[in-house]
Amino acid sequence: MENGKTSKKLTAVEGDESTDTGVGTRVFVPTVESLAKAKHLRLLAILAWAVAIGFEIWVIMMLKAVPINMIWLIVMIVVELAFAVTGSWLWKKANRLYPASEKDKVKFFIQNQLGLIIGVIAFLPLVILIFNNKNMSGKQKGILGSIAVVALLVAGITGADFNPPSQEQYAEQTKEVEGLMNGANHVYWTKSGKSYHLFQDCSYINSDRTNEIFQGTVAQARELKSITDLCDRCENKAKKVAAPEN
C-alpha cells in the first residue's frame, strides 16, 4: 500500500448518493433509484405473503377433510413457510433502502416487524386448529403440530428485525462520517466485515483474508451489509488528521 491506497481489488457500489434536506436537522432522503427499488421489493413481499396466506387457508380447509392427508398437509405447510420467509426477506431489504422514521413509533414498529406479524398470522391459527382437530389421532397431532410450531418459530424469527434501520440513524451516521472526512460521504467495507471504514488502507480490511474492498455511502453499507458500526481505528485516524498541529 502506498499513499493511503490499497492493493486489494476496490469495487465502487453502483447508485447515486442519498441526499439530505432541512436546516439545522438532517433528514435522510433516499435516491430515486433506491425509492423505486424499495417499492418494487415491497410489492413482491406483499405478493409472497399473500401466497403464504393462501396456502394457510388451503391447509385449514384440508384439516376439515376426512381422512387427514398428512403428506399433503406437511408439503403445504413447508411451501407456505417458504413464501412467508421470502416475503420477510424482501421486506427487510426494502426497509434498508427506504427506512421508516423513529418519530412515529407505531409506524416504525409495524414497518420493521411486519414480517414477524405476518408469520404469526400465517401459522398460529394452524397450530391451534391442529391441536384441536377432532379428526386427527394423537400421533398425527404430535407430528403435524410440531411441524407447524417449528414453522411458526422460523417465520417469526426470520420476519423479526432485531436491528431495524431508521431515517434518523442513516442521517446521524452520515453526518458523523462527513464531519470526520471534510464533508465526504465515502466509506469502505468487506463482504464479511462488521464495520465500515473511512480509509481504504485500514489494516483491518487489508488482511490476508480480504480479496475485495467495497466503496460506497453510509446508507449503501447499511443497505447491502446492515453495517452500522464505524471502525474505531479509522475514526481515531480521522480525528488526528483533522486536529490542528500545536
C-alpha atoms as a PDB file:
ATOM      1  CA  MET A   1       0.000   0.000   0.000  1.00  0.00           C
ATOM      2  CA  GLU A   2       1.296   3.432  -0.904  1.00  0.00           C
ATOM      3  CA  ASN A   3      -0.060   6.934  -0.276  1.00  0.00           C
ATOM      4  CA  GLY A   4      -3.140   5.674   1.524  1.00  0.00           C
ATOM      5  CA  LYS A   5      -4.124   3.310  -1.304  1.00  0.00           C
ATOM      6  CA  THR A   6      -4.963  -0.360  -1.054  1.00  0.00           C
ATOM      7  CA  SER A   7      -3.501  -3.207  -3.068  1.00  0.00           C
ATOM      8  CA  LYS A   8      -6.812  -5.067  -2.864  1.00  0.00           C
ATOM      9  CA  LYS A   9      -9.478  -5.022  -5.545  1.00  0.00           C
ATOM     10  CA  LEU A  10     -11.584  -1.894  -4.953  1.00  0.00           C
ATOM     11  CA  THR A  11     -15.210  -2.057  -6.114  1.00  0.00           C
ATOM     12  CA  ALA A  12     -17.385   1.043  -6.137  1.00  0.00           C
ATOM     13  CA  VAL A  13     -21.029   0.276  -5.377  1.00  0.00           C
ATOM     14  CA  GLU A  14     -23.326   1.473  -8.139  1.00  0.00           C
ATOM     15  CA  GLY A  15     -26.012   4.075  -7.490  1.00  0.00           C
ATOM     16  CA  ASP A  16     -26.188   7.731  -6.597  1.00  0.00           C
ATOM     17  CA  GLU A  17     -25.636   9.043  -3.103  1.00  0.00           C
ATOM     18  CA  SER A  18     -28.570   9.777  -0.854  1.00  0.00           C
ATOM     19  CA  THR A  19     -29.233  13.408  -0.088  1.00  0.00           C
ATOM     20  CA  ASP A  20     -30.370  15.343   2.937  1.00  0.00           C
ATOM     21  CA  THR A  21     -32.615  18.355   3.351  1.00  0.00           C
ATOM     22  CA  GLY A  22     -33.558  20.712   6.152  1.00  0.00           C
ATOM     23  CA  VAL A  23     -31.868  23.419   8.093  1.00  0.00           C
ATOM     24  CA  GLY A  24     -30.233  22.505  11.383  1.00  0.00           C
ATOM     25  CA  THR A  25     -31.631  18.951  11.403  1.00  0.00           C
ATOM     26  CA  ARG A  26     -30.520  16.432   8.816  1.00  0.00           C
ATOM     27  CA  VAL A  27     -33.189  14.361   7.135  1.00  0.00           C
ATOM     28  CA  PHE A  28     -32.379  11.213   5.191  1.00  0.00           C
ATOM     29  CA  VAL A  29     -33.817  11.215   1.677  1.00  0.00           C
ATOM     30  CA  PRO A  30     -33.350   8.096  -0.469  1.00  0.00           C
ATOM     31  CA  THR A  31     -32.289   8.392  -4.075  1.00  0.00           C
ATOM     32  CA  VAL A  32     -34.915   7.968  -6.779  1.00  0.00           C
ATOM     33  CA  GLU A  33     -33.314   4.650  -7.658  1.00  0.00           C
ATOM     34  CA  SER A  34     -33.426   3.380  -4.066  1.00  0.00           C
ATOM     35  CA  LEU A  35     -37.020   4.506  -3.656  1.00  0.00           C
ATOM     36  CA  ALA A  36     -38.068   2.661  -6.821  1.00  0.00           C
ATOM     37  CA  LYS A  37     -36.263  -0.491  -5.712  1.00  0.00           C
ATOM     38  CA  ALA A  38     -37.889  -0.308  -2.276  1.00  0.00           C
ATOM     39  CA  LYS A  39     -41.373  -0.034  -3.781  1.00  0.00           C
ATOM     40  CA  HIS A  40     -40.686  -2.956  -6.103  1.00  0.00           C
ATOM     41  CA  LEU A  41     -39.371  -5.153  -3.281  1.00  0.00           C
ATOM     42  CA  ARG A  42     -42.313  -4.302  -1.032  1.00  0.00           C
ATOM     43  CA  LEU A  43     -44.748  -5.244  -3.802  1.00  0.00           C
ATOM     44  CA  LEU A  44     -43.007  -8.596  -4.245  1.00  0.00           C
ATOM     45  CA  ALA A  45     -43.002  -9.120  -0.472  1.00  0.00           C
ATOM     46  CA  ILE A  46     -46.738  -8.469  -0.255  1.00  0.00           C
ATOM     47  CA  LEU A  47     -47.364 -10.909  -3.120  1.00  0.00           C
ATOM     48  CA  ALA A  48     -45.248 -13.578  -1.391  1.00  0.00           C
ATOM     49  CA  TRP A  49     -47.114 -13.075   1.875  1.00  0.00           C
ATOM     50  CA  ALA A  50     -50.455 -13.223   0.048  1.00  0.00           C
ATOM     51  CA  VAL A  51     -49.472 -16.586  -1.433  1.00  0.00           C
ATOM     52  CA  ALA A  52     -48.435 -17.796   2.027  1.00  0.00           C
ATOM     53  CA  ILE A  53     -51.813 -16.792   3.474  1.00  0.00           C
ATOM     54  CA  GLY A  54     -53.462 -18.523   0.544  1.00  0.00           C
ATOM     55  CA  PHE A  55     -51.673 -21.757   1.429  1.00  0.00           C
ATOM     56  CA  GLU A  56     -52.710 -21.267   5.047  1.00  0.00           C
ATOM     57  CA  ILE A  57     -56.374 -21.134   4.013  1.00  0.00           C
ATOM     58  CA  TRP A  58     -55.856 -24.223   1.876  1.00  0.00           C
ATOM     59  CA  VAL A  59     -54.333 -26.107   4.835  1.00  0.00           C
ATOM     60  CA  ILE A  60     -57.242 -25.051   7.062  1.00  0.00           C
ATOM     61  CA  MET A  61     -59.685 -26.437   4.519  1.00  0.00           C
ATOM     62  CA  MET A  62     -57.712 -29.701   4.290  1.00  0.00           C
ATOM     63  CA  LEU A  63     -57.819 -30.069   8.065  1.00  0.00           C
ATOM     64  CA  LYS A  64     -61.602 -30.438   7.793  1.00  0.00           C
ATOM     65  CA  ALA A  65     -61.334 -33.367   5.395  1.00  0.00           C
ATOM     66  CA  VAL A  66     -61.650 -36.999   6.467  1.00  0.00           C
ATOM     67  CA  PRO A  67     -59.333 -38.855   6.343  1.00  0.00           C
ATOM     68  CA  ILE A  68     -56.477 -36.444   7.024  1.00  0.00           C
ATOM     69  CA  ASN A  69     -53.822 -36.411   4.297  1.00  0.00           C
ATOM     70  CA  MET A  70     -50.656 -35.947   6.368  1.00  0.00           C
ATOM     71  CA  ILE A  71     -48.187 -35.852   3.486  1.00  0.00           C
ATOM     72  CA  TRP A  72     -50.010 -33.119   1.601  1.00  0.00           C
ATOM     73  CA  LEU A  73     -50.516 -31.089   4.758  1.00  0.00           C
ATOM     74  CA  ILE A  74     -46.798 -31.209   5.543  1.00  0.00           C
ATOM     75  CA  VAL A  75     -45.913 -30.222   1.988  1.00  0.00           C
ATOM     76  CA  MET A  76     -48.361 -27.326   2.097  1.00  0.00           C
ATOM     77  CA  ILE A  77     -47.007 -26.024   5.405  1.00  0.00           C
ATOM     78  CA  VAL A  78     -43.428 -26.165   4.112  1.00  0.00           C
ATOM     79  CA  VAL A  79     -44.370 -24.300   0.928  1.00  0.00           C
ATOM     80  CA  GLU A  80     -46.283 -21.737   2.984  1.00  0.00           C
ATOM     81  CA  LEU A  81     -43.211 -21.215   5.158  1.00  0.00           C
ATOM     82  CA  ALA A  82     -41.005 -20.704   2.094  1.00  0.00           C
ATOM     83  CA  PHE A  83     -43.249 -17.914   0.797  1.00  0.00           C
ATOM     84  CA  ALA A  84     -43.537 -16.311   4.250  1.00  0.00           C
ATOM     85  CA  VAL A  85     -39.752 -16.247   4.730  1.00  0.00           C
ATOM     86  CA  THR A  86     -39.193 -14.941   1.197  1.00  0.00           C
ATOM     87  CA  GLY A  87     -41.655 -12.136   1.803  1.00  0.00           C
ATOM     88  CA  SER A  88     -39.925 -11.152   5.042  1.00  0.00           C
ATOM     89  CA  TRP A  89     -36.505 -11.156   3.391  1.00  0.00           C
ATOM     90  CA  LEU A  90     -37.745  -8.892   0.583  1.00  0.00           C
ATOM     91  CA  TRP A  91     -39.494  -6.561   3.032  1.00  0.00           C
ATOM     92  CA  LYS A  92     -36.424  -6.134   5.243  1.00  0.00           C
ATOM     93  CA  LYS A  93     -34.269  -5.443   2.183  1.00  0.00           C
ATOM     94  CA  ALA A  94     -36.750  -2.732   1.149  1.00  0.00           C
ATOM     95  CA  ASN A  95     -36.572  -1.222   4.634  1.00  0.00           C
ATOM     96  CA  ARG A  96     -32.828  -0.789   4.254  1.00  0.00           C
ATOM     97  CA  LEU A  97     -33.333   1.062   1.009  1.00  0.00           C
ATOM     98  CA  TYR A  98     -36.013   3.316   2.454  1.00  0.00           C
ATOM     99  CA  PRO A  99     -36.197   3.068   6.270  1.00  0.00           C
ATOM    100  CA  ALA A 100     -39.001   4.362   8.450  1.00  0.00           C
ATOM    101  CA  SER A 101     -38.693   7.337  10.771  1.00  0.00           C
ATOM    102  CA  GLU A 102     -38.478   6.825  14.524  1.00  0.00           C
ATOM    103  CA  LYS A 103     -40.751   9.830  15.071  1.00  0.00           C
ATOM    104  CA  ASP A 104     -43.867   7.716  14.531  1.00  0.00           C
ATOM    105  CA  LYS A 105     -43.294   4.855  16.978  1.00  0.00           C
ATOM    106  CA  VAL A 106     -46.280   2.779  15.858  1.00  0.00           C
ATOM    107  CA  LYS A 107     -45.473   3.032  12.158  1.00  0.00           C
ATOM    108  CA  PHE A 108     -41.789   2.384  12.861  1.00  0.00           C
ATOM    109  CA  PHE A 109     -42.612  -0.807  14.770  1.00  0.00           C
ATOM    110  CA  ILE A 110     -45.126  -2.107  12.242  1.00  0.00           C
ATOM    111  CA  GLN A 111     -42.930  -1.423   9.217  1.00  0.00           C
ATOM    112  CA  ASN A 112     -39.890  -3.110  10.740  1.00  0.00           C
ATOM    113  CA  GLN A 113     -41.698  -6.031  12.381  1.00  0.00           C
ATOM    114  CA  LEU A 114     -44.315  -6.705   9.717  1.00  0.00           C
ATOM    115  CA  GLY A 115     -42.598  -9.970   8.810  1.00  0.00           C
ATOM    116  CA  LEU A 116     -42.998 -11.166  12.403  1.00  0.00           C
ATOM    117  CA  ILE A 117     -46.664 -10.139  12.408  1.00  0.00           C
ATOM    118  CA  ILE A 118     -47.342 -11.945   9.137  1.00  0.00           C
ATOM    119  CA  GLY A 119     -45.516 -15.027  10.414  1.00  0.00           C
ATOM    120  CA  VAL A 120     -47.793 -15.200  13.457  1.00  0.00           C
ATOM    121  CA  ILE A 121     -50.904 -14.670  11.337  1.00  0.00           C
ATOM    122  CA  ALA A 122     -49.810 -17.351   8.881  1.00  0.00           C
ATOM    123  CA  PHE A 123     -49.027 -20.126  11.359  1.00  0.00           C
ATOM    124  CA  LEU A 124     -50.509 -19.541  14.815  1.00  0.00           C
ATOM    125  CA  PRO A 125     -54.080 -20.362  13.649  1.00  0.00           C
ATOM    126  CA  LEU A 126     -52.766 -23.604  12.131  1.00  0.00           C
ATOM    127  CA  VAL A 127     -51.114 -24.623  15.397  1.00  0.00           C
ATOM    128  CA  ILE A 128     -54.351 -24.012  17.302  1.00  0.00           C
ATOM    129  CA  LEU A 129     -56.540 -25.807  14.752  1.00  0.00           C
ATOM    130  CA  ILE A 130     -54.215 -28.809  14.502  1.00  0.00           C
ATOM    131  CA  PHE A 131     -54.083 -29.454  18.239  1.00  0.00           C
ATOM    132  CA  ASN A 132     -57.859 -29.020  18.499  1.00  0.00           C
ATOM    133  CA  ASN A 133     -58.698 -31.126  15.448  1.00  0.00           C
ATOM    134  CA  LYS A 134     -61.103 -33.968  16.354  1.00  0.00           C
ATOM    135  CA  ASN A 135     -60.435 -35.828  13.097  1.00  0.00           C
ATOM    136  CA  MET A 136     -56.769 -36.467  13.908  1.00  0.00           C
ATOM    137  CA  SER A 137     -55.179 -39.036  16.165  1.00  0.00           C
ATOM    138  CA  GLY A 138     -52.811 -38.063  18.931  1.00  0.00           C
ATOM    139  CA  LYS A 139     -49.836 -39.167  16.851  1.00  0.00           C
ATOM    140  CA  GLN A 140     -50.978 -37.113  13.868  1.00  0.00           C
ATOM    141  CA  LYS A 141     -51.462 -34.056  16.046  1.00  0.00           C
ATOM    142  CA  GLY A 142     -47.998 -34.533  17.510  1.00  0.00           C
ATOM    143  CA  ILE A 143     -46.275 -34.772  14.138  1.00  0.00           C
ATOM    144  CA  LEU A 144     -48.198 -32.108  12.259  1.00  0.00           C
ATOM    145  CA  GLY A 145     -48.443 -29.834  15.288  1.00  0.00           C
ATOM    146  CA  SER A 146     -44.682 -29.972  15.836  1.00  0.00           C
ATOM    147  CA  ILE A 147     -44.053 -29.060  12.206  1.00  0.00           C
ATOM    148  CA  ALA A 148     -46.490 -26.152  12.447  1.00  0.00           C
ATOM    149  CA  VAL A 149     -44.852 -24.895  15.657  1.00  0.00           C
ATOM    150  CA  VAL A 150     -41.401 -25.033  14.060  1.00  0.00           C
ATOM    151  CA  ALA A 151     -42.769 -23.186  11.024  1.00  0.00           C
ATOM    152  CA  LEU A 152     -44.255 -20.545  13.337  1.00  0.00           C
ATOM    153  CA  LEU A 153     -40.916 -20.052  15.090  1.00  0.00           C
ATOM    154  CA  VAL A 154     -38.923 -19.919  11.847  1.00  0.00           C
ATOM    155  CA  ALA A 155     -41.343 -17.463  10.245  1.00  0.00           C
ATOM    156  CA  GLY A 156     -41.373 -15.295  13.358  1.00  0.00           C
ATOM    157  CA  ILE A 157     -37.613 -15.208  13.862  1.00  0.00           C
ATOM    158  CA  THR A 158     -36.804 -14.575  10.196  1.00  0.00           C
ATOM    159  CA  GLY A 159     -39.568 -11.982   9.989  1.00  0.00           C
ATOM    160  CA  ALA A 160     -38.417 -10.005  13.021  1.00  0.00           C
ATOM    161  CA  ASP A 161     -35.819  -7.280  12.542  1.00  0.00           C
ATOM    162  CA  PHE A 162     -33.559  -7.174  15.604  1.00  0.00           C
ATOM    163  CA  ASN A 163     -31.548  -4.245  14.265  1.00  0.00           C
ATOM    164  CA  PRO A 164     -34.090  -2.125  12.373  1.00  0.00           C
ATOM    165  CA  PRO A 165     -32.835   0.826  10.333  1.00  0.00           C
ATOM    166  CA  SER A 166     -34.270   4.301  10.643  1.00  0.00           C
ATOM    167  CA  GLN A 167     -34.036   7.555   8.745  1.00  0.00           C
ATOM    168  CA  GLU A 168     -32.549   9.194  11.837  1.00  0.00           C
ATOM    169  CA  GLN A 169     -29.799   6.569  12.093  1.00  0.00           C
ATOM    170  CA  TYR A 170     -28.859   6.989   8.444  1.00  0.00           C
ATOM    171  CA  ALA A 171     -28.774  10.763   8.786  1.00  0.00           C
ATOM    172  CA  GLU A 172     -26.753  10.718  12.030  1.00  0.00           C
ATOM    173  CA  GLN A 173     -24.225   8.189  10.754  1.00  0.00           C
ATOM    174  CA  THR A 174     -23.806  10.107   7.505  1.00  0.00           C
ATOM    175  CA  LYS A 175     -23.319  13.330   9.464  1.00  0.00           C
ATOM    176  CA  GLU A 176     -20.652  11.660  11.599  1.00  0.00           C
ATOM    177  CA  VAL A 177     -18.704  10.421   8.574  1.00  0.00           C
ATOM    178  CA  GLU A 178     -18.955  13.731   6.739  1.00  0.00           C
ATOM    179  CA  GLY A 179     -17.792  15.544   9.859  1.00  0.00           C
ATOM    180  CA  LEU A 180     -14.689  13.386  10.051  1.00  0.00           C
ATOM    181  CA  MET A 181     -13.950  13.427   6.309  1.00  0.00           C
ATOM    182  CA  ASN A 182     -14.459  17.098   5.384  1.00  0.00           C
ATOM    183  CA  GLY A 183     -17.945  16.574   4.007  1.00  0.00           C
ATOM    184  CA  ALA A 184     -17.226  13.379   2.050  1.00  0.00           C
ATOM    185  CA  ASN A 185     -19.728  10.547   2.391  1.00  0.00           C
ATOM    186  CA  HIS A 186     -17.470   7.686   1.307  1.00  0.00           C
ATOM    187  CA  VAL A 187     -16.834   4.547   3.344  1.00  0.00           C
ATOM    188  CA  TYR A 188     -15.279   1.134   2.740  1.00  0.00           C
ATOM    189  CA  TRP A 189     -16.286  -2.379   3.802  1.00  0.00           C
ATOM    190  CA  THR A 190     -15.748  -6.056   3.007  1.00  0.00           C
ATOM    191  CA  LYS A 191     -18.072  -8.983   2.402  1.00  0.00           C
ATOM    192  CA  SER A 192     -17.532 -10.438   5.868  1.00  0.00           C
ATOM    193  CA  GLY A 193     -16.831  -7.216   7.762  1.00  0.00           C
ATOM    194  CA  LYS A 194     -18.954  -5.864  10.593  1.00  0.00           C
ATOM    195  CA  SER A 195     -17.776  -2.239  10.365  1.00  0.00           C
ATOM    196  CA  TYR A 196     -17.400   0.386   7.693  1.00  0.00           C
ATOM    197  CA  HIS A 197     -14.092   2.226   7.319  1.00  0.00           C
ATOM    198  CA  LEU A 198     -13.040   5.752   6.398  1.00  0.00           C
ATOM    199  CA  PHE A 199      -9.734   4.796   4.782  1.00  0.00           C
ATOM    200  CA  GLN A 200      -9.223   2.156   2.123  1.00  0.00           C
ATOM    201  CA  ASP A 201      -5.780   1.307   3.508  1.00  0.00           C
ATOM    202  CA  CYS A 202      -7.070   0.495   7.016  1.00  0.00           C
ATOM    203  CA  SER A 203      -5.239  -2.603   8.243  1.00  0.00           C
ATOM    204  CA  TYR A 204      -8.493  -4.207   9.383  1.00  0.00           C
ATOM    205  CA  ILE A 205      -9.668  -4.556   5.770  1.00  0.00           C
ATOM    206  CA  ASN A 206      -6.265  -5.211   4.223  1.00  0.00           C
ATOM    207  CA  SER A 207      -5.574  -8.571   5.824  1.00  0.00           C
ATOM    208  CA  ASP A 208      -4.732 -11.797   4.013  1.00  0.00           C
ATOM    209  CA  ARG A 209      -8.376 -12.825   4.305  1.00  0.00           C
ATOM    210  CA  THR A 210      -9.546  -9.848   2.251  1.00  0.00           C
ATOM    211  CA  ASN A 211      -9.593 -10.006  -1.553  1.00  0.00           C
ATOM    212  CA  GLU A 212     -12.020  -7.202  -2.331  1.00  0.00           C
ATOM    213  CA  ILE A 213     -12.973  -3.914  -0.695  1.00  0.00           C
ATOM    214  CA  PHE A 214     -16.246  -2.162  -1.464  1.00  0.00           C
ATOM    215  CA  GLN A 215     -16.664   1.602  -1.589  1.00  0.00           C
ATOM    216  CA  GLY A 216     -19.947   3.478  -1.218  1.00  0.00           C
ATOM    217  CA  THR A 217     -22.017   5.687   1.055  1.00  0.00           C
ATOM    218  CA  VAL A 218     -23.022   5.073   4.656  1.00  0.00           C
ATOM    219  CA  ALA A 219     -26.556   4.254   3.508  1.00  0.00           C
ATOM    220  CA  GLN A 220     -25.250   1.745   0.961  1.00  0.00           C
ATOM    221  CA  ALA A 221     -23.150  -0.001   3.609  1.00  0.00           C
ATOM    222  CA  ARG A 222     -26.275  -0.343   5.736  1.00  0.00           C
ATOM    223  CA  GLU A 223     -28.437  -1.367   2.790  1.00  0.00           C
ATOM    224  CA  LEU A 224     -26.117  -4.047   1.426  1.00  0.00           C
ATOM    225  CA  LYS A 225     -24.495  -5.399   4.596  1.00  0.00           C
ATOM    226  CA  SER A 226     -26.535  -3.996   7.513  1.00  0.00           C
ATOM    227  CA  ILE A 227     -23.322  -2.380   8.789  1.00  0.00           C
ATOM    228  CA  THR A 228     -23.855   0.307  11.413  1.00  0.00           C
ATOM    229  CA  ASP A 229     -20.510   0.369  13.214  1.00  0.00           C
ATOM    230  CA  LEU A 230     -17.710   2.818  12.378  1.00  0.00           C
ATOM    231  CA  CYS A 231     -14.185   1.420  12.637  1.00  0.00           C
ATOM    232  CA  ASP A 232     -12.545   2.808  15.787  1.00  0.00           C
ATOM    233  CA  ARG A 233      -9.105   2.844  14.184  1.00  0.00           C
ATOM    234  CA  CYS A 234     -10.359   4.866  11.198  1.00  0.00           C
ATOM    235  CA  GLU A 235     -12.251   7.233  13.484  1.00  0.00           C
ATOM    236  CA  ASN A 236      -9.151   7.916  15.596  1.00  0.00           C
ATOM    237  CA  LYS A 237      -7.013   8.393  12.480  1.00  0.00           C
ATOM    238  CA  ALA A 238      -9.512  10.879  11.008  1.00  0.00           C
ATOM    239  CA  LYS A 239      -9.576  12.854  14.245  1.00  0.00           C
ATOM    240  CA  LYS A 240      -5.768  13.033  14.332  1.00  0.00           C
ATOM    241  CA  VAL A 241      -5.622  14.177  10.723  1.00  0.00           C
ATOM    242  CA  ALA A 242      -8.212  16.875  11.396  1.00  0.00           C
ATOM    243  CA  ALA A 243      -6.634  18.041  14.653  1.00  0.00           C
ATOM    244  CA  PRO A 244      -4.597  21.262  14.317  1.00  0.00           C
ATOM    245  CA  GLU A 245      -0.875  20.943  14.980  1.00  0.00           C
ATOM    246  CA  ASN A 246       0.483  22.620  18.101  1.00  0.00           C
END
